[in-house]
Amino acid sequence: MRSMTLEVLLPFEIFAREQDVTSVVVETAQGCFGLLPQRLDCVAALVPGILSFETASRGEVFLAVDEGVLVKTGADVVISVRRALRGDDLSRLRDAVEQEFLKLDAQEEAMRTAMAQLETGFMRRFASMLERPS
């Protein structure tokens, strides 16, 4: 039986490295899709959700992942995400995605909006200083 190697990378560490993976299911903006060892190489943008993979020795394993990128080349699948959680209870993982990942995204968006407003105010004041005659 053919298998894949799966790596889940976080910004500062390797979260998971799994051998003998027989399938991977991920969530994208277009919906869920699965990878099998014989699938052609591909790249996909991931959305916050549940990633599952299966191995002969461990069965099906679930991870909650934040947005990121999946790259499949040959028998290697590399997933790079901002945050990830491992858990046995699928409903708790789904709650973690909704509460932690999506809430943080909303906080980050509010911070970006505040920073944009500060930058705009600074640029207006700077421009008005340049327009004043000396």
C-alpha atoms as a PDB file:
ATOM      1  CA  MET A   1       0.000   0.000   0.000  1.00  0.00           C
ATOM      2  CA  ARG A   2       1.326   3.431  -0.907  1.00  0.00           C
ATOM      3  CA  SER A   3       1.538   6.097   1.781  1.00  0.00           C
ATOM      4  CA  MET A   4       2.507   9.722   2.354  1.00  0.00           C
ATOM      5  CA  THR A   5       4.564  11.703   4.831  1.00  0.00           C
ATOM      6  CA  LEU A   6       2.686  14.571   6.502  1.00  0.00           C
ATOM      7  CA  GLU A   7       4.319  17.576   8.167  1.00  0.00           C
ATOM      8  CA  VAL A   8       2.340  20.304   9.909  1.00  0.00           C
ATOM      9  CA  LEU A   9       4.483  23.399  10.384  1.00  0.00           C
ATOM     10  CA  LEU A  10       3.840  26.349  12.703  1.00  0.00           C
ATOM     11  CA  PRO A  11       5.787  29.627  12.423  1.00  0.00           C
ATOM     12  CA  PHE A  12       8.403  28.524  14.969  1.00  0.00           C
ATOM     13  CA  GLU A  13       8.159  24.748  15.236  1.00  0.00           C
ATOM     14  CA  ILE A  14       7.193  21.474  13.625  1.00  0.00           C
ATOM     15  CA  PHE A  15       3.794  20.659  15.131  1.00  0.00           C
ATOM     16  CA  ALA A  16       3.458  17.152  13.681  1.00  0.00           C
ATOM     17  CA  ARG A  17       5.471  14.788  11.506  1.00  0.00           C
ATOM     18  CA  GLU A  18       3.632  11.624  10.519  1.00  0.00           C
ATOM     19  CA  GLN A  19       4.785   8.673   8.418  1.00  0.00           C
ATOM     20  CA  ASP A  20       2.648   6.104   6.566  1.00  0.00           C
ATOM     21  CA  VAL A  21      -0.305   8.477   6.106  1.00  0.00           C
ATOM     22  CA  THR A  22      -2.892   6.923   3.796  1.00  0.00           C
ATOM     23  CA  SER A  23      -5.226   9.932   3.424  1.00  0.00           C
ATOM     24  CA  VAL A  24      -5.551  13.596   4.379  1.00  0.00           C
ATOM     25  CA  VAL A  25      -8.728  15.716   4.394  1.00  0.00           C
ATOM     26  CA  VAL A  26      -8.487  19.525   4.616  1.00  0.00           C
ATOM     27  CA  GLU A  27     -10.841  22.516   4.417  1.00  0.00           C
ATOM     28  CA  THR A  28     -10.446  25.262   1.812  1.00  0.00           C
ATOM     29  CA  ALA A  29     -12.620  28.237   0.888  1.00  0.00           C
ATOM     30  CA  GLN A  30     -14.138  26.039  -1.844  1.00  0.00           C
ATOM     31  CA  GLY A  31     -14.946  23.198   0.582  1.00  0.00           C
ATOM     32  CA  CYS A  32     -13.298  20.029   1.862  1.00  0.00           C
ATOM     33  CA  PHE A  33     -11.112  17.829  -0.263  1.00  0.00           C
ATOM     34  CA  GLY A  34      -9.051  14.738   0.295  1.00  0.00           C
ATOM     35  CA  LEU A  35      -5.576  13.658  -0.678  1.00  0.00           C
ATOM     36  CA  LEU A  36      -4.512  10.118  -1.435  1.00  0.00           C
ATOM     37  CA  PRO A  37      -0.932   8.990  -2.153  1.00  0.00           C
ATOM     38  CA  GLN A  38      -1.496   8.719  -5.922  1.00  0.00           C
ATOM     39  CA  ARG A  39      -3.026  12.220  -6.258  1.00  0.00           C
ATOM     40  CA  LEU A  40      -1.150  14.637  -8.480  1.00  0.00           C
ATOM     41  CA  ASP A  41       0.916  17.373  -6.882  1.00  0.00           C
ATOM     42  CA  CYS A  42      -1.082  20.389  -5.745  1.00  0.00           C
ATOM     43  CA  VAL A  43      -1.184  23.546  -3.643  1.00  0.00           C
ATOM     44  CA  ALA A  44      -4.216  24.717  -1.634  1.00  0.00           C
ATOM     45  CA  ALA A  45      -5.014  27.677   0.608  1.00  0.00           C
ATOM     46  CA  LEU A  46      -6.534  26.440   3.864  1.00  0.00           C
ATOM     47  CA  VAL A  47      -9.171  28.118   6.007  1.00  0.00           C
ATOM     48  CA  PRO A  48      -9.545  27.634   9.781  1.00  0.00           C
ATOM     49  CA  GLY A  49     -11.095  24.226  10.309  1.00  0.00           C
ATOM     50  CA  ILE A  50     -10.536  20.559  11.043  1.00  0.00           C
ATOM     51  CA  LEU A  51      -7.822  18.604   9.277  1.00  0.00           C
ATOM     52  CA  SER A  52      -7.963  14.839   9.448  1.00  0.00           C
ATOM     53  CA  PHE A  53      -5.473  12.217   8.399  1.00  0.00           C
ATOM     54  CA  GLU A  54      -5.376   8.454   8.632  1.00  0.00           C
ATOM     55  CA  THR A  55      -2.565   6.026   9.331  1.00  0.00           C
ATOM     56  CA  ALA A  56      -2.659   2.249   9.549  1.00  0.00           C
ATOM     57  CA  SER A  57      -1.299   2.241  13.107  1.00  0.00           C
ATOM     58  CA  ARG A  58      -3.245   5.173  14.634  1.00  0.00           C
ATOM     59  CA  GLY A  59      -6.432   5.253  12.610  1.00  0.00           C
ATOM     60  CA  GLU A  60      -8.047   8.645  12.012  1.00  0.00           C
ATOM     61  CA  VAL A  61      -6.482  11.668  13.743  1.00  0.00           C
ATOM     62  CA  PHE A  62      -7.990  15.163  13.939  1.00  0.00           C
ATOM     63  CA  LEU A  63      -6.231  18.533  14.161  1.00  0.00           C
ATOM     64  CA  ALA A  64      -7.749  21.989  14.433  1.00  0.00           C
ATOM     65  CA  VAL A  65      -5.766  24.294  12.138  1.00  0.00           C
ATOM     66  CA  ASP A  66      -5.799  27.993  11.405  1.00  0.00           C
ATOM     67  CA  GLU A  67      -5.505  29.427   7.916  1.00  0.00           C
ATOM     68  CA  GLY A  68      -2.462  28.348   5.962  1.00  0.00           C
ATOM     69  CA  VAL A  69      -1.131  26.560   2.899  1.00  0.00           C
ATOM     70  CA  LEU A  70      -0.924  22.914   1.863  1.00  0.00           C
ATOM     71  CA  VAL A  71       1.687  21.705  -0.631  1.00  0.00           C
ATOM     72  CA  LYS A  72       1.726  18.125  -1.945  1.00  0.00           C
ATOM     73  CA  THR A  73       4.760  16.988  -3.909  1.00  0.00           C
ATOM     74  CA  GLY A  74       5.056  13.315  -4.595  1.00  0.00           C
ATOM     75  CA  ALA A  75       4.519  11.419  -1.357  1.00  0.00           C
ATOM     76  CA  ASP A  76       5.190  14.480   0.815  1.00  0.00           C
ATOM     77  CA  VAL A  77       2.415  16.692   2.181  1.00  0.00           C
ATOM     78  CA  VAL A  78       3.536  19.857   3.964  1.00  0.00           C
ATOM     79  CA  ILE A  79       0.972  22.047   5.706  1.00  0.00           C
ATOM     80  CA  SER A  80       2.023  25.427   7.058  1.00  0.00           C
ATOM     81  CA  VAL A  81      -0.447  27.135   9.410  1.00  0.00           C
ATOM     82  CA  ARG A  82      -0.350  29.903  12.011  1.00  0.00           C
ATOM     83  CA  ARG A  83      -1.828  27.803  14.849  1.00  0.00           C
ATOM     84  CA  ALA A  84      -2.826  24.175  15.406  1.00  0.00           C
ATOM     85  CA  LEU A  85      -4.389  22.064  18.160  1.00  0.00           C
ATOM     86  CA  ARG A  86      -4.564  18.305  18.533  1.00  0.00           C
ATOM     87  CA  GLY A  87      -7.495  16.596  20.214  1.00  0.00           C
ATOM     88  CA  ASP A  88      -9.537  13.428  20.445  1.00  0.00           C
ATOM     89  CA  ASP A  89     -12.967  15.042  20.765  1.00  0.00           C
ATOM     90  CA  LEU A  90     -14.072  16.366  17.381  1.00  0.00           C
ATOM     91  CA  SER A  91     -16.750  18.681  18.809  1.00  0.00           C
ATOM     92  CA  ARG A  92     -14.234  20.308  21.178  1.00  0.00           C
ATOM     93  CA  LEU A  93     -11.832  20.850  18.296  1.00  0.00           C
ATOM     94  CA  ARG A  94     -14.587  22.474  16.235  1.00  0.00           C
ATOM     95  CA  ASP A  95     -15.395  24.751  19.213  1.00  0.00           C
ATOM     96  CA  ALA A  96     -11.701  25.633  19.502  1.00  0.00           C
ATOM     97  CA  VAL A  97     -11.635  26.689  15.845  1.00  0.00           C
ATOM     98  CA  GLU A  98     -14.720  28.858  16.277  1.00  0.00           C
ATOM     99  CA  GLN A  99     -13.711  30.392  19.612  1.00  0.00           C
ATOM    100  CA  GLU A 100      -9.945  30.761  19.384  1.00  0.00           C
ATOM    101  CA  PHE A 101      -8.950  31.028  15.740  1.00  0.00           C
ATOM    102  CA  LEU A 102     -11.883  33.044  14.412  1.00  0.00           C
ATOM    103  CA  LYS A 103     -11.978  35.307  17.506  1.00  0.00           C
ATOM    104  CA  LEU A 104      -8.286  36.084  17.129  1.00  0.00           C
ATOM    105  CA  ASP A 105      -8.839  36.860  13.453  1.00  0.00           C
ATOM    106  CA  ALA A 106     -11.536  39.390  14.441  1.00  0.00           C
ATOM    107  CA  GLN A 107      -9.175  40.949  16.993  1.00  0.00           C
ATOM    108  CA  GLU A 108      -6.409  41.163  14.409  1.00  0.00           C
ATOM    109  CA  GLU A 109      -8.798  42.815  11.951  1.00  0.00           C
ATOM    110  CA  ALA A 110      -9.800  45.402  14.580  1.00  0.00           C
ATOM    111  CA  MET A 111      -6.127  46.079  15.273  1.00  0.00           C
ATOM    112  CA  ARG A 112      -5.401  46.524  11.549  1.00  0.00           C
ATOM    113  CA  THR A 113      -8.308  48.974  11.271  1.00  0.00           C
ATOM    114  CA  ALA A 114      -7.040  50.994  14.241  1.00  0.00           C
ATOM    115  CA  MET A 115      -3.516  51.067  12.802  1.00  0.00           C
ATOM    116  CA  ALA A 116      -4.828  52.200   9.408  1.00  0.00           C
ATOM    117  CA  GLN A 117      -6.757  55.022  11.094  1.00  0.00           C
ATOM    118  CA  LEU A 118      -3.644  56.112  12.999  1.00  0.00           C
ATOM    119  CA  GLU A 119      -1.562  56.064   9.827  1.00  0.00           C
ATOM    120  CA  THR A 120      -4.193  58.057   7.932  1.00  0.00           C
ATOM    121  CA  GLY A 121      -4.334  60.678  10.701  1.00  0.00           C
ATOM    122  CA  PHE A 122      -0.558  60.939  10.752  1.00  0.00           C
ATOM    123  CA  MET A 123      -0.376  61.360   6.967  1.00  0.00           C
ATOM    124  CA  ARG A 124      -3.051  64.093   7.028  1.00  0.00           C
ATOM    125  CA  ARG A 125      -1.213  66.039   9.722  1.00  0.00           C
ATOM    126  CA  PHE A 126       2.082  65.608   7.914  1.00  0.00           C
ATOM    127  CA  ALA A 127       0.569  66.762   4.614  1.00  0.00           C
ATOM    128  CA  SER A 128      -0.984  69.824   6.305  1.00  0.00           C
ATOM    129  CA  MET A 129       2.427  70.734   7.739  1.00  0.00           C
ATOM    130  CA  LEU A 130       3.936  70.616   4.244  1.00  0.00           C
ATOM    131  CA  GLU A 131       1.168  72.825   2.834  1.00  0.00           C
ATOM    132  CA  ARG A 132       1.739  75.634   5.358  1.00  0.00           C
ATOM    133  CA  PRO A 133       3.818  78.534   4.044  1.00  0.00           C
ATOM    134  CA  SER A 134       7.088  79.155   5.904  1.00  0.00           C
END
